[in-house]
């Protein structure tokens, strides 16, 4: 399906985007549209996902790991059971990333920060960078910040949702071919 971009941008404003759109918002939405094929219902859901994941600016971002100890206990309760266990990582993003992501998700013990969440969908872990890099024919392992460029972030988002690469659930199981279940599509 080809999306009429002029029509789309003339009608995208509303309760989510009041006033004019920023260059970043337009670039991100165009990159998603250019990476997409499917129904308008699927496109609507795919476009809503970065709004939820990274905010209304729609800018691909790098995970902020600058936490207070109390918040670490809420986000990672199995890793930080006490304030004293969290304090050494407080406001220390690199150490925190290595603690929470090191030794898992394909990361070595000291690679957690390097392969923290990035992009529009916040891919995390060396294994995911390798998987998406291979699919997109780019070296995301050597250059994880490429996931911050709108075109790459959009391709990761669209391919990941369409092919079920984030959770094993494909978007088409919830939206498309007469289905429009946006609530359960969060499982994607």
C-alpha atoms as a PDB file:
ATOM      1  CA  UNK A   1       0.000   0.000   0.000  1.00  0.00           C
ATOM      2  CA  UNK A   2       1.380   3.384  -0.945  1.00  0.00           C
ATOM      3  CA  UNK A   3       0.686   6.084   1.594  1.00  0.00           C
ATOM      4  CA  UNK A   4      -0.255   9.522   0.310  1.00  0.00           C
ATOM      5  CA  UNK A   5       2.166  11.529   2.469  1.00  0.00           C
ATOM      6  CA  UNK A   6       0.545  14.895   1.775  1.00  0.00           C
ATOM      7  CA  UNK A   7      -2.846  13.536   2.827  1.00  0.00           C
ATOM      8  CA  UNK A   8      -1.271  11.835   5.827  1.00  0.00           C
ATOM      9  CA  UNK A   9       0.533  14.924   7.124  1.00  0.00           C
ATOM     10  CA  UNK A  10      -2.497  17.135   6.471  1.00  0.00           C
ATOM     11  CA  UNK A  11      -4.548  14.837   8.743  1.00  0.00           C
ATOM     12  CA  UNK A  12      -2.063  13.676  11.402  1.00  0.00           C
ATOM     13  CA  UNK A  13      -2.479  16.749  13.579  1.00  0.00           C
ATOM     14  CA  UNK A  14      -5.024  16.552  16.339  1.00  0.00           C
ATOM     15  CA  UNK A  15      -4.933  15.789  20.036  1.00  0.00           C
ATOM     16  CA  UNK A  16      -1.465  14.226  19.773  1.00  0.00           C
ATOM     17  CA  UNK A  17       0.218  16.829  17.573  1.00  0.00           C
ATOM     18  CA  UNK A  18      -1.149  20.318  18.120  1.00  0.00           C
ATOM     19  CA  UNK A  19       0.257  22.956  15.787  1.00  0.00           C
ATOM     20  CA  UNK A  20       3.032  22.381  13.314  1.00  0.00           C
ATOM     21  CA  UNK A  21       5.158  19.260  13.309  1.00  0.00           C
ATOM     22  CA  UNK A  22       8.880  19.463  14.032  1.00  0.00           C
ATOM     23  CA  UNK A  23      11.475  18.338  11.497  1.00  0.00           C
ATOM     24  CA  UNK A  24      12.227  15.339  13.725  1.00  0.00           C
ATOM     25  CA  UNK A  25       8.567  14.304  13.918  1.00  0.00           C
ATOM     26  CA  UNK A  26       8.202  14.554  10.147  1.00  0.00           C
ATOM     27  CA  UNK A  27      11.490  12.733   9.461  1.00  0.00           C
ATOM     28  CA  UNK A  28      10.565   9.895  11.811  1.00  0.00           C
ATOM     29  CA  UNK A  29       7.043   9.496  10.446  1.00  0.00           C
ATOM     30  CA  UNK A  30       8.323   9.604   6.851  1.00  0.00           C
ATOM     31  CA  UNK A  31      10.961   6.987   7.676  1.00  0.00           C
ATOM     32  CA  UNK A  32       8.287   4.718   9.179  1.00  0.00           C
ATOM     33  CA  UNK A  33       5.986   5.211   6.174  1.00  0.00           C
ATOM     34  CA  UNK A  34       8.873   4.516   3.774  1.00  0.00           C
ATOM     35  CA  UNK A  35       9.706   1.276   5.669  1.00  0.00           C
ATOM     36  CA  UNK A  36       6.109   0.115   5.826  1.00  0.00           C
ATOM     37  CA  UNK A  37       3.786  -2.031   3.769  1.00  0.00           C
ATOM     38  CA  UNK A  38       0.432  -3.153   5.108  1.00  0.00           C
ATOM     39  CA  UNK A  39      -2.918  -1.736   6.107  1.00  0.00           C
ATOM     40  CA  UNK A  40      -3.675   1.757   7.397  1.00  0.00           C
ATOM     41  CA  UNK A  41      -4.756   0.190  10.694  1.00  0.00           C
ATOM     42  CA  UNK A  42      -1.302  -1.415  11.024  1.00  0.00           C
ATOM     43  CA  UNK A  43       0.405   1.841  10.094  1.00  0.00           C
ATOM     44  CA  UNK A  44      -1.616   3.672  12.752  1.00  0.00           C
ATOM     45  CA  UNK A  45      -0.473   1.200  15.386  1.00  0.00           C
ATOM     46  CA  UNK A  46       3.151   1.265  14.261  1.00  0.00           C
ATOM     47  CA  UNK A  47       3.132   5.074  14.376  1.00  0.00           C
ATOM     48  CA  UNK A  48       1.568   5.040  17.848  1.00  0.00           C
ATOM     49  CA  UNK A  49       4.290   2.782  19.240  1.00  0.00           C
ATOM     50  CA  UNK A  50       7.203   5.268  19.167  1.00  0.00           C
ATOM     51  CA  UNK A  51       4.887   7.914  20.610  1.00  0.00           C
ATOM     52  CA  UNK A  52       4.482   5.566  23.582  1.00  0.00           C
ATOM     53  CA  UNK A  53       8.123   4.402  23.691  1.00  0.00           C
ATOM     54  CA  UNK A  54      10.060   7.646  23.143  1.00  0.00           C
ATOM     55  CA  UNK A  55       7.492  10.450  23.501  1.00  0.00           C
ATOM     56  CA  UNK A  56       5.713  12.915  21.275  1.00  0.00           C
ATOM     57  CA  UNK A  57       8.962  14.273  19.812  1.00  0.00           C
ATOM     58  CA  UNK A  58       9.313  10.921  18.004  1.00  0.00           C
ATOM     59  CA  UNK A  59      13.097  11.199  18.176  1.00  0.00           C
ATOM     60  CA  UNK A  60      14.989   7.923  18.338  1.00  0.00           C
ATOM     61  CA  UNK A  61      16.663   7.950  21.758  1.00  0.00           C
ATOM     62  CA  UNK A  62      19.229   6.119  23.804  1.00  0.00           C
ATOM     63  CA  UNK A  63      18.018   4.608  27.062  1.00  0.00           C
ATOM     64  CA  UNK A  64      18.580   6.951  29.985  1.00  0.00           C
ATOM     65  CA  UNK A  65      20.207   4.914  32.737  1.00  0.00           C
ATOM     66  CA  UNK A  66      20.682   7.849  35.122  1.00  0.00           C
ATOM     67  CA  UNK A  67      18.532   6.564  38.008  1.00  0.00           C
ATOM     68  CA  UNK A  68      18.102   7.200  41.706  1.00  0.00           C
ATOM     69  CA  UNK A  69      18.591   4.134  43.905  1.00  0.00           C
ATOM     70  CA  UNK A  70      14.897   4.043  44.849  1.00  0.00           C
ATOM     71  CA  UNK A  71      13.840   3.971  41.205  1.00  0.00           C
ATOM     72  CA  UNK A  72      16.304   1.170  40.397  1.00  0.00           C
ATOM     73  CA  UNK A  73      14.597  -0.947  43.048  1.00  0.00           C
ATOM     74  CA  UNK A  74      11.240  -0.361  41.311  1.00  0.00           C
ATOM     75  CA  UNK A  75      12.487  -1.024  37.775  1.00  0.00           C
ATOM     76  CA  UNK A  76      14.795  -3.961  38.574  1.00  0.00           C
ATOM     77  CA  UNK A  77      13.533  -5.439  41.870  1.00  0.00           C
ATOM     78  CA  UNK A  78      15.316  -8.754  41.356  1.00  0.00           C
ATOM     79  CA  UNK A  79      18.669  -7.003  40.889  1.00  0.00           C
ATOM     80  CA  UNK A  80      18.320  -4.365  43.627  1.00  0.00           C
ATOM     81  CA  UNK A  81      16.626  -5.718  46.732  1.00  0.00           C
ATOM     82  CA  UNK A  82      18.008  -3.021  49.056  1.00  0.00           C
ATOM     83  CA  UNK A  83      18.956   0.637  48.800  1.00  0.00           C
ATOM     84  CA  UNK A  84      22.519  -0.215  49.743  1.00  0.00           C
ATOM     85  CA  UNK A  85      22.774  -2.602  46.770  1.00  0.00           C
ATOM     86  CA  UNK A  86      21.517   0.119  44.414  1.00  0.00           C
ATOM     87  CA  UNK A  87      23.519   3.087  45.734  1.00  0.00           C
ATOM     88  CA  UNK A  88      26.804   2.263  43.908  1.00  0.00           C
ATOM     89  CA  UNK A  89      24.921   2.514  40.587  1.00  0.00           C
ATOM     90  CA  UNK A  90      22.994   5.682  41.397  1.00  0.00           C
ATOM     91  CA  UNK A  91      23.533   8.345  38.706  1.00  0.00           C
ATOM     92  CA  UNK A  92      26.182   6.108  37.111  1.00  0.00           C
ATOM     93  CA  UNK A  93      24.641   5.083  33.757  1.00  0.00           C
ATOM     94  CA  UNK A  94      27.555   3.004  32.481  1.00  0.00           C
ATOM     95  CA  UNK A  95      27.894   0.973  35.674  1.00  0.00           C
ATOM     96  CA  UNK A  96      24.111   0.509  35.865  1.00  0.00           C
ATOM     97  CA  UNK A  97      23.874  -0.625  32.236  1.00  0.00           C
ATOM     98  CA  UNK A  98      26.631  -3.151  32.786  1.00  0.00           C
ATOM     99  CA  UNK A  99      24.929  -4.376  35.969  1.00  0.00           C
ATOM    100  CA  UNK A 100      21.427  -4.834  34.565  1.00  0.00           C
ATOM    101  CA  UNK A 101      22.270  -5.931  31.006  1.00  0.00           C
ATOM    102  CA  UNK A 102      25.754  -7.413  31.388  1.00  0.00           C
ATOM    103  CA  UNK A 103      25.989 -11.174  30.987  1.00  0.00           C
ATOM    104  CA  UNK A 104      22.563 -11.438  29.332  1.00  0.00           C
ATOM    105  CA  UNK A 105      20.863 -10.613  26.021  1.00  0.00           C
ATOM    106  CA  UNK A 106      24.052 -11.702  24.251  1.00  0.00           C
ATOM    107  CA  UNK A 107      26.199  -9.232  26.185  1.00  0.00           C
ATOM    108  CA  UNK A 108      29.462 -10.010  27.924  1.00  0.00           C
ATOM    109  CA  UNK A 109      29.642  -8.839  31.549  1.00  0.00           C
ATOM    110  CA  UNK A 110      30.869  -5.356  30.597  1.00  0.00           C
ATOM    111  CA  UNK A 111      28.818  -4.755  27.437  1.00  0.00           C
ATOM    112  CA  UNK A 112      25.464  -3.917  28.994  1.00  0.00           C
ATOM    113  CA  UNK A 113      25.849  -0.168  28.659  1.00  0.00           C
ATOM    114  CA  UNK A 114      27.177  -0.386  25.094  1.00  0.00           C
ATOM    115  CA  UNK A 115      24.084  -2.338  23.997  1.00  0.00           C
ATOM    116  CA  UNK A 116      21.473  -0.488  26.080  1.00  0.00           C
ATOM    117  CA  UNK A 117      18.111   0.389  24.565  1.00  0.00           C
ATOM    118  CA  UNK A 118      18.180   2.611  21.490  1.00  0.00           C
ATOM    119  CA  UNK A 119      15.932   3.751  18.704  1.00  0.00           C
ATOM    120  CA  UNK A 120      12.172   4.033  18.508  1.00  0.00           C
ATOM    121  CA  UNK A 121      11.529   0.568  19.921  1.00  0.00           C
ATOM    122  CA  UNK A 122      14.467   0.499  22.354  1.00  0.00           C
ATOM    123  CA  UNK A 123      16.231  -2.643  21.115  1.00  0.00           C
ATOM    124  CA  UNK A 124      18.489  -3.866  23.906  1.00  0.00           C
ATOM    125  CA  UNK A 125      21.315  -6.407  24.025  1.00  0.00           C
ATOM    126  CA  UNK A 126      24.098  -7.370  21.658  1.00  0.00           C
ATOM    127  CA  UNK A 127      22.057 -10.331  20.368  1.00  0.00           C
ATOM    128  CA  UNK A 128      19.278  -7.972  19.219  1.00  0.00           C
ATOM    129  CA  UNK A 129      21.743  -5.551  17.645  1.00  0.00           C
ATOM    130  CA  UNK A 130      23.273  -8.484  15.757  1.00  0.00           C
ATOM    131  CA  UNK A 131      19.862  -9.851  14.689  1.00  0.00           C
ATOM    132  CA  UNK A 132      18.576  -6.531  13.381  1.00  0.00           C
ATOM    133  CA  UNK A 133      21.932  -5.644  11.843  1.00  0.00           C
ATOM    134  CA  UNK A 134      21.902  -8.862   9.853  1.00  0.00           C
ATOM    135  CA  UNK A 135      18.311  -8.310   8.690  1.00  0.00           C
ATOM    136  CA  UNK A 136      19.008  -4.707   7.676  1.00  0.00           C
ATOM    137  CA  UNK A 137      22.475  -5.412   6.231  1.00  0.00           C
ATOM    138  CA  UNK A 138      24.246  -2.955   8.543  1.00  0.00           C
ATOM    139  CA  UNK A 139      26.765  -3.512  11.332  1.00  0.00           C
ATOM    140  CA  UNK A 140      24.805  -2.508  14.423  1.00  0.00           C
ATOM    141  CA  UNK A 141      27.149  -4.494  16.675  1.00  0.00           C
ATOM    142  CA  UNK A 142      30.130  -2.337  15.722  1.00  0.00           C
ATOM    143  CA  UNK A 143      27.967   0.807  15.437  1.00  0.00           C
ATOM    144  CA  UNK A 144      25.044   0.566  17.893  1.00  0.00           C
ATOM    145  CA  UNK A 145      24.364   4.302  17.581  1.00  0.00           C
ATOM    146  CA  UNK A 146      23.120   3.678  14.027  1.00  0.00           C
ATOM    147  CA  UNK A 147      19.877   2.604  15.763  1.00  0.00           C
ATOM    148  CA  UNK A 148      19.439   6.292  16.636  1.00  0.00           C
ATOM    149  CA  UNK A 149      19.090   7.426  13.017  1.00  0.00           C
ATOM    150  CA  UNK A 150      15.436   7.835  11.968  1.00  0.00           C
ATOM    151  CA  UNK A 151      15.714   5.574   8.909  1.00  0.00           C
ATOM    152  CA  UNK A 152      17.370   2.699  10.796  1.00  0.00           C
ATOM    153  CA  UNK A 153      15.169   3.130  13.880  1.00  0.00           C
ATOM    154  CA  UNK A 154      12.072   3.061  11.653  1.00  0.00           C
ATOM    155  CA  UNK A 155      13.196  -0.077   9.835  1.00  0.00           C
ATOM    156  CA  UNK A 156      13.900  -1.830  13.153  1.00  0.00           C
ATOM    157  CA  UNK A 157      10.460  -0.818  14.430  1.00  0.00           C
ATOM    158  CA  UNK A 158       8.548  -1.910  11.327  1.00  0.00           C
ATOM    159  CA  UNK A 159      10.424  -5.174  10.731  1.00  0.00           C
ATOM    160  CA  UNK A 160      10.353  -6.047  14.419  1.00  0.00           C
ATOM    161  CA  UNK A 161       6.602  -5.524  14.717  1.00  0.00           C
ATOM    162  CA  UNK A 162       5.667  -7.131  11.400  1.00  0.00           C
ATOM    163  CA  UNK A 163       7.885 -10.189  11.853  1.00  0.00           C
ATOM    164  CA  UNK A 164       7.326 -10.660  15.597  1.00  0.00           C
ATOM    165  CA  UNK A 165      10.994 -10.121  16.431  1.00  0.00           C
ATOM    166  CA  UNK A 166      10.458  -8.286  19.724  1.00  0.00           C
ATOM    167  CA  UNK A 167       8.239 -10.745  21.604  1.00  0.00           C
ATOM    168  CA  UNK A 168       7.457 -13.511  19.122  1.00  0.00           C
ATOM    169  CA  UNK A 169       4.040 -11.929  18.440  1.00  0.00           C
ATOM    170  CA  UNK A 170       3.387 -10.462  14.979  1.00  0.00           C
ATOM    171  CA  UNK A 171       1.323  -7.327  14.470  1.00  0.00           C
ATOM    172  CA  UNK A 172      -0.855  -9.152  11.942  1.00  0.00           C
ATOM    173  CA  UNK A 173      -2.175 -11.370  14.762  1.00  0.00           C
ATOM    174  CA  UNK A 174      -3.899  -8.299  16.235  1.00  0.00           C
ATOM    175  CA  UNK A 175      -4.254  -5.748  13.437  1.00  0.00           C
ATOM    176  CA  UNK A 176      -4.954  -6.426   9.763  1.00  0.00           C
ATOM    177  CA  UNK A 177      -7.211  -8.665   7.647  1.00  0.00           C
ATOM    178  CA  UNK A 178     -10.298  -7.354   9.437  1.00  0.00           C
ATOM    179  CA  UNK A 179      -8.737  -7.398  12.915  1.00  0.00           C
ATOM    180  CA  UNK A 180      -8.281  -4.168  14.846  1.00  0.00           C
ATOM    181  CA  UNK A 181      -7.249  -5.045  18.406  1.00  0.00           C
ATOM    182  CA  UNK A 182      -4.959  -2.193  19.393  1.00  0.00           C
ATOM    183  CA  UNK A 183      -5.128  -3.042  23.107  1.00  0.00           C
ATOM    184  CA  UNK A 184      -3.739  -6.563  22.764  1.00  0.00           C
ATOM    185  CA  UNK A 185      -1.335  -5.485  20.030  1.00  0.00           C
ATOM    186  CA  UNK A 186       0.924  -4.206  22.864  1.00  0.00           C
ATOM    187  CA  UNK A 187       1.978  -7.860  23.100  1.00  0.00           C
ATOM    188  CA  UNK A 188       3.915  -7.276  19.893  1.00  0.00           C
END
